[in-house]
């Protein structure tokens, strides 16, 4: 596995100790006849933002499910904060392509739902103060008692971010959370996501089909080959933070996008 520095810069985030580590992870189905992942290793450091990108069917979703503890690997080790991941855990936050808010619950009731499920209604009621603080962080102050059908798509996804953060997870797993939004809203939500992750010093891992989205958000991009899912290279995005949408017009950004596109095109031809 090769790390490619796409460009040089004097401004880089100071990343912390390893939080999430996958070592030689493989996953097979149909009595080992179908290989979804093959010998994947990666390390997420505290405060880092990483992405995985690859063609459809390359194993991205399988990788994310293993990291979320939804399915076990066939081989390899999956360790979060020094403890093996053997199932779903409170210190793993997950966000999906759709907001998946319950329509009969208000915004704040949706946000504290993970607390209510795990610790009961009394704990959820106590957590509402923290939920209001999170709503303020994502710009939804005043919408705590609104029902989901009264929220725009972007507002609903912001509420989903709050629901993911309410349990203070060690890692945020993001499954194309803004893919259903229009391009303008998606760009703005990506900038919001960057700001929130920076303020929370969060460790994030994003599955995406968008090279531009991966580059504007990520410190490291894991580029996957087609099935069987393997890592082609790890591309280090050497752009200063905080990232801005204006950076998408710079030569450095374009060079990084083109380099990753070349890796993906090469993989398709293999």
Protein backbone atom coordinates (compact mmCIF):
# COMPACT_ATOMS: atom_id res chain seq x y z
CA UNK A 1 0.00 0.00 0.00
CA UNK A 2 1.51 3.28 -1.16
CA UNK A 3 0.86 6.73 0.24
CA UNK A 4 0.87 9.45 -2.38
CA UNK A 5 1.36 13.09 -1.41
CA UNK A 6 -0.63 15.00 -3.97
CA UNK A 7 0.98 18.36 -3.28
CA UNK A 8 2.97 20.25 -0.70
CA UNK A 9 1.72 22.69 1.93
CA UNK A 10 2.95 24.21 5.14
CA UNK A 11 -0.43 23.94 6.87
CA UNK A 12 -1.48 20.48 8.03
CA UNK A 13 -3.70 19.34 10.89
CA UNK A 14 -2.01 17.86 13.94
CA UNK A 15 -3.56 14.41 14.09
CA UNK A 16 -3.62 12.37 17.27
CA UNK A 17 -3.04 8.75 18.22
CA UNK A 18 -4.63 5.85 16.32
CA UNK A 19 -8.33 5.44 17.16
CA UNK A 20 -9.53 2.83 14.70
CA UNK A 21 -7.33 0.13 13.16
CA UNK A 22 -8.13 -2.58 10.61
CA UNK A 23 -5.41 -5.16 10.04
CA UNK A 24 -5.48 -7.58 7.08
CA UNK A 25 -9.27 -7.62 6.98
CA UNK A 26 -10.99 -9.88 4.45
CA UNK A 27 -14.63 -10.77 3.92
CA UNK A 28 -16.04 -13.63 1.86
CA UNK A 29 -19.58 -14.79 1.15
CA UNK A 30 -21.20 -17.92 -0.29
CA UNK A 31 -18.88 -20.31 1.54
CA UNK A 32 -15.79 -18.34 0.53
CA UNK A 33 -16.67 -18.37 -3.18
CA UNK A 34 -17.31 -14.60 -3.33
CA UNK A 35 -14.53 -12.29 -2.09
CA UNK A 36 -15.89 -8.88 -1.10
CA UNK A 37 -12.76 -7.59 0.69
CA UNK A 38 -9.21 -8.85 0.43
CA UNK A 39 -6.46 -7.97 2.93
CA UNK A 40 -7.52 -4.41 3.78
CA UNK A 41 -5.54 -2.50 6.42
CA UNK A 42 -6.12 1.10 7.49
CA UNK A 43 -5.60 3.38 10.47
CA UNK A 44 -7.75 6.35 11.50
CA UNK A 45 -6.11 8.86 13.82
CA UNK A 46 -7.85 11.11 16.31
CA UNK A 47 -9.24 14.19 14.61
CA UNK A 48 -8.67 12.87 11.08
CA UNK A 49 -11.13 12.83 8.21
CA UNK A 50 -10.70 9.90 5.81
CA UNK A 51 -12.65 8.72 2.78
CA UNK A 52 -12.93 5.53 0.78
CA UNK A 53 -13.75 5.69 -2.91
CA UNK A 54 -14.11 3.09 -5.63
CA UNK A 55 -16.43 1.72 -8.28
CA UNK A 56 -19.78 0.16 -7.39
CA UNK A 57 -19.33 -3.35 -6.01
CA UNK A 58 -15.74 -2.82 -4.88
CA UNK A 59 -16.53 -3.53 -1.22
CA UNK A 60 -17.02 -0.03 0.23
CA UNK A 61 -20.34 -0.88 1.87
CA UNK A 62 -18.99 -4.18 3.19
CA UNK A 63 -16.04 -2.32 4.68
CA UNK A 64 -18.32 0.20 6.38
CA UNK A 65 -20.58 -2.54 7.77
CA UNK A 66 -17.56 -4.30 9.27
CA UNK A 67 -16.33 -1.03 10.81
CA UNK A 68 -19.81 -0.39 12.23
CA UNK A 69 -19.87 -3.85 13.82
CA UNK A 70 -22.87 -4.90 11.73
CA UNK A 71 -21.08 -7.89 10.17
CA UNK A 72 -17.87 -9.67 11.23
CA UNK A 73 -14.79 -9.99 9.02
CA UNK A 74 -13.87 -13.43 7.74
CA UNK A 75 -10.23 -12.73 8.51
CA UNK A 76 -8.27 -9.95 10.19
CA UNK A 77 -8.58 -7.67 13.21
CA UNK A 78 -10.87 -4.68 13.77
CA UNK A 79 -9.95 -2.60 16.81
CA UNK A 80 -11.51 0.63 18.10
CA UNK A 81 -9.85 2.41 21.02
CA UNK A 82 -7.86 -0.69 21.82
CA UNK A 83 -10.88 -3.03 21.97
CA UNK A 84 -11.92 -5.52 19.26
CA UNK A 85 -15.12 -4.61 17.42
CA UNK A 86 -17.39 -7.66 17.74
CA UNK A 87 -20.75 -5.92 17.25
CA UNK A 88 -22.47 -2.56 17.35
CA UNK A 89 -21.07 -0.21 19.98
CA UNK A 90 -22.01 3.05 21.61
CA UNK A 91 -18.72 4.65 20.60
CA UNK A 92 -19.48 4.15 16.88
CA UNK A 93 -21.63 6.82 15.23
CA UNK A 94 -23.34 6.08 11.92
CA UNK A 95 -25.00 8.36 9.37
CA UNK A 96 -26.82 7.12 6.28
CA UNK A 97 -27.79 8.49 2.86
CA UNK A 98 -31.26 9.41 4.14
CA UNK A 99 -31.99 11.25 7.36
CA UNK A 100 -34.24 8.39 8.63
CA UNK A 101 -35.95 10.58 11.21
CA UNK A 102 -39.14 9.20 12.75
CA UNK A 103 -42.00 11.42 11.49
CA UNK A 104 -43.97 11.22 14.74
CA UNK A 105 -41.09 12.50 16.85
CA UNK A 106 -39.90 16.10 17.05
CA UNK A 107 -36.38 17.05 16.05
CA UNK A 108 -35.05 16.92 19.59
CA UNK A 109 -36.88 13.65 20.31
CA UNK A 110 -35.22 12.12 17.26
CA UNK A 111 -31.83 13.34 18.39
CA UNK A 112 -32.04 11.81 21.87
CA UNK A 113 -33.52 8.55 20.57
CA UNK A 114 -30.21 6.61 20.85
CA UNK A 115 -30.01 7.63 24.51
CA UNK A 116 -33.62 6.58 25.10
CA UNK A 117 -33.08 3.18 23.47
CA UNK A 118 -29.96 2.42 25.47
CA UNK A 119 -30.55 4.15 28.79
CA UNK A 120 -34.29 4.87 29.07
CA UNK A 121 -36.56 7.89 28.90
CA UNK A 122 -35.18 9.59 32.00
CA UNK A 123 -31.66 9.64 30.51
CA UNK A 124 -33.07 10.88 27.19
CA UNK A 125 -34.85 13.72 28.92
CA UNK A 126 -31.63 14.69 30.67
CA UNK A 127 -29.77 14.55 27.34
CA UNK A 128 -32.05 17.18 25.77
CA UNK A 129 -29.87 19.97 27.14
CA UNK A 130 -26.90 18.56 25.23
CA UNK A 131 -29.12 18.04 22.18
CA UNK A 132 -30.04 21.73 22.21
CA UNK A 133 -26.34 22.62 22.29
CA UNK A 134 -25.74 20.37 19.27
CA UNK A 135 -28.67 21.97 17.43
CA UNK A 136 -27.05 25.33 18.02
CA UNK A 137 -23.74 24.03 16.62
CA UNK A 138 -25.40 22.87 13.36
CA UNK A 139 -27.52 26.00 12.98
CA UNK A 140 -30.89 24.50 13.95
CA UNK A 141 -31.51 26.53 17.10
CA UNK A 142 -35.25 27.06 17.40
CA UNK A 143 -36.20 23.92 15.46
CA UNK A 144 -36.10 21.48 18.38
CA UNK A 145 -39.90 21.06 18.51
CA UNK A 146 -40.43 20.86 14.74
CA UNK A 147 -41.44 17.58 13.08
CA UNK A 148 -39.35 16.11 10.21
CA UNK A 149 -41.89 16.99 7.50
CA UNK A 150 -41.30 20.65 8.34
CA UNK A 151 -37.53 20.38 7.73
CA UNK A 152 -35.72 20.71 4.42
CA UNK A 153 -33.45 17.86 3.27
CA UNK A 154 -30.36 19.68 4.49
CA UNK A 155 -31.93 20.54 7.83
CA UNK A 156 -32.98 16.92 8.32
CA UNK A 157 -29.41 15.77 7.69
CA UNK A 158 -28.14 18.33 10.20
CA UNK A 159 -30.51 16.83 12.74
CA UNK A 160 -29.10 13.41 11.84
CA UNK A 161 -25.60 14.73 12.54
CA UNK A 162 -26.78 15.78 16.01
CA UNK A 163 -28.29 12.33 16.59
CA UNK A 164 -24.96 10.76 15.62
CA UNK A 165 -22.99 13.04 17.96
CA UNK A 166 -25.29 12.80 21.00
CA UNK A 167 -23.59 9.63 22.30
CA UNK A 168 -20.08 11.16 21.84
CA UNK A 169 -18.81 8.39 19.54
CA UNK A 170 -15.10 7.78 19.03
CA UNK A 171 -15.55 7.47 15.26
CA UNK A 172 -18.13 8.78 12.79
CA UNK A 173 -19.00 6.46 9.89
CA UNK A 174 -20.66 8.33 7.02
CA UNK A 175 -22.41 6.47 4.21
CA UNK A 176 -22.79 9.13 1.48
CA UNK A 177 -24.87 11.27 3.86
CA UNK A 178 -25.55 14.10 1.39
CA UNK A 179 -25.95 12.17 -1.87
CA UNK A 180 -29.70 12.85 -2.00
CA UNK A 181 -29.20 16.63 -1.88
CA UNK A 182 -28.77 18.95 -4.85
CA UNK A 183 -25.19 19.93 -5.70
CA UNK A 184 -25.30 23.36 -4.03
CA UNK A 185 -26.82 21.99 -0.81
CA UNK A 186 -24.34 19.13 -0.83
CA UNK A 187 -21.37 21.49 -1.06
CA UNK A 188 -22.70 23.63 1.78
CA UNK A 189 -23.40 20.58 3.96
CA UNK A 190 -19.88 19.30 3.35
CA UNK A 191 -18.50 22.58 4.64
CA UNK A 192 -20.82 22.31 7.64
CA UNK A 193 -19.64 18.75 8.26
CA UNK A 194 -16.02 19.88 8.16
CA UNK A 195 -16.74 22.67 10.65
CA UNK A 196 -18.59 20.38 13.04
CA UNK A 197 -15.90 17.69 12.90
CA UNK A 198 -13.23 20.32 13.57
CA UNK A 199 -15.11 21.80 16.54
CA UNK A 200 -15.75 18.33 17.99
CA UNK A 201 -12.24 17.03 17.12
CA UNK A 202 -14.10 14.11 15.57
CA UNK A 203 -12.59 11.16 13.74
CA UNK A 204 -14.59 10.59 10.55
CA UNK A 205 -14.67 8.00 7.77
CA UNK A 206 -16.72 8.71 4.64
CA UNK A 207 -17.93 6.40 1.88
CA UNK A 208 -18.42 8.38 -1.33
CA UNK A 209 -18.62 8.05 -5.12
CA UNK A 210 -17.56 11.70 -5.55
CA UNK A 211 -13.85 12.35 -6.03
CA UNK A 212 -14.36 16.08 -5.46
CA UNK A 213 -16.20 15.45 -2.19
CA UNK A 214 -13.44 13.13 -0.98
CA UNK A 215 -10.68 15.62 -1.80
CA UNK A 216 -12.33 18.69 -0.28
CA UNK A 217 -13.04 16.87 3.01
CA UNK A 218 -10.28 14.34 3.56
CA UNK A 219 -6.80 14.07 4.99
CA UNK A 220 -6.43 10.59 3.48
CA UNK A 221 -8.38 8.93 0.67
CA UNK A 222 -8.41 5.13 0.42
CA UNK A 223 -8.77 4.25 -3.27
CA UNK A 224 -10.15 0.76 -3.82
CA UNK A 225 -9.74 -1.61 -6.74
CA UNK A 226 -12.75 -3.48 -8.17
CA UNK A 227 -13.83 -6.78 -6.63
CA UNK A 228 -12.22 -8.42 -4.88
CA UNK A 229 -12.06 -5.21 -2.86
CA UNK A 230 -8.45 -4.24 -2.24
CA UNK A 231 -6.71 -0.95 -1.55
CA UNK A 232 -4.96 0.46 -4.59
CA UNK A 233 -3.32 3.41 -2.84
CA UNK A 234 -3.78 5.86 0.01
CA UNK A 235 -3.76 9.42 -1.31
CA UNK A 236 -2.76 12.08 1.20
CA UNK A 237 -4.56 15.35 0.43
CA UNK A 238 -2.05 18.07 1.18
CA UNK A 239 -4.37 21.08 1.29
CA UNK A 240 -4.53 23.54 4.19
CA UNK A 241 -7.41 23.59 6.65
CA UNK A 242 -10.01 24.84 6.99
CA UNK A 243 -10.96 23.84 3.46
CA UNK A 244 -13.12 26.20 1.43
CA UNK A 245 -15.19 25.72 -1.71
CA UNK A 246 -12.88 28.17 -3.50
CA UNK A 247 -10.12 25.56 -3.24
CA UNK A 248 -12.02 23.42 -5.74
CA UNK A 249 -10.92 25.81 -8.50
CA UNK A 250 -7.20 25.66 -7.65
CA UNK A 251 -4.61 23.72 -9.70
CA UNK A 252 -3.62 21.70 -6.63
CA UNK A 253 -7.19 20.48 -6.13
CA UNK A 254 -7.53 19.63 -9.81
CA UNK A 255 -4.26 17.69 -9.82
CA UNK A 256 -5.41 15.59 -6.87
CA UNK A 257 -8.80 14.88 -8.44
CA UNK A 258 -7.16 13.88 -11.73
CA UNK A 259 -4.66 11.63 -9.95
CA UNK A 260 -7.43 9.75 -8.14
CA UNK A 261 -9.50 9.51 -11.32
CA UNK A 262 -6.47 7.97 -13.01
CA UNK A 263 -6.20 5.36 -10.25
CA UNK A 264 -9.88 4.49 -10.61
CA UNK A 265 -9.67 4.30 -14.42
CA UNK A 266 -6.61 2.07 -14.12
CA UNK A 267 -8.48 -0.18 -11.70
CA UNK A 268 -11.45 -0.50 -14.05
CA UNK A 269 -9.10 -1.70 -16.76
CA UNK A 270 -7.56 -4.40 -14.55
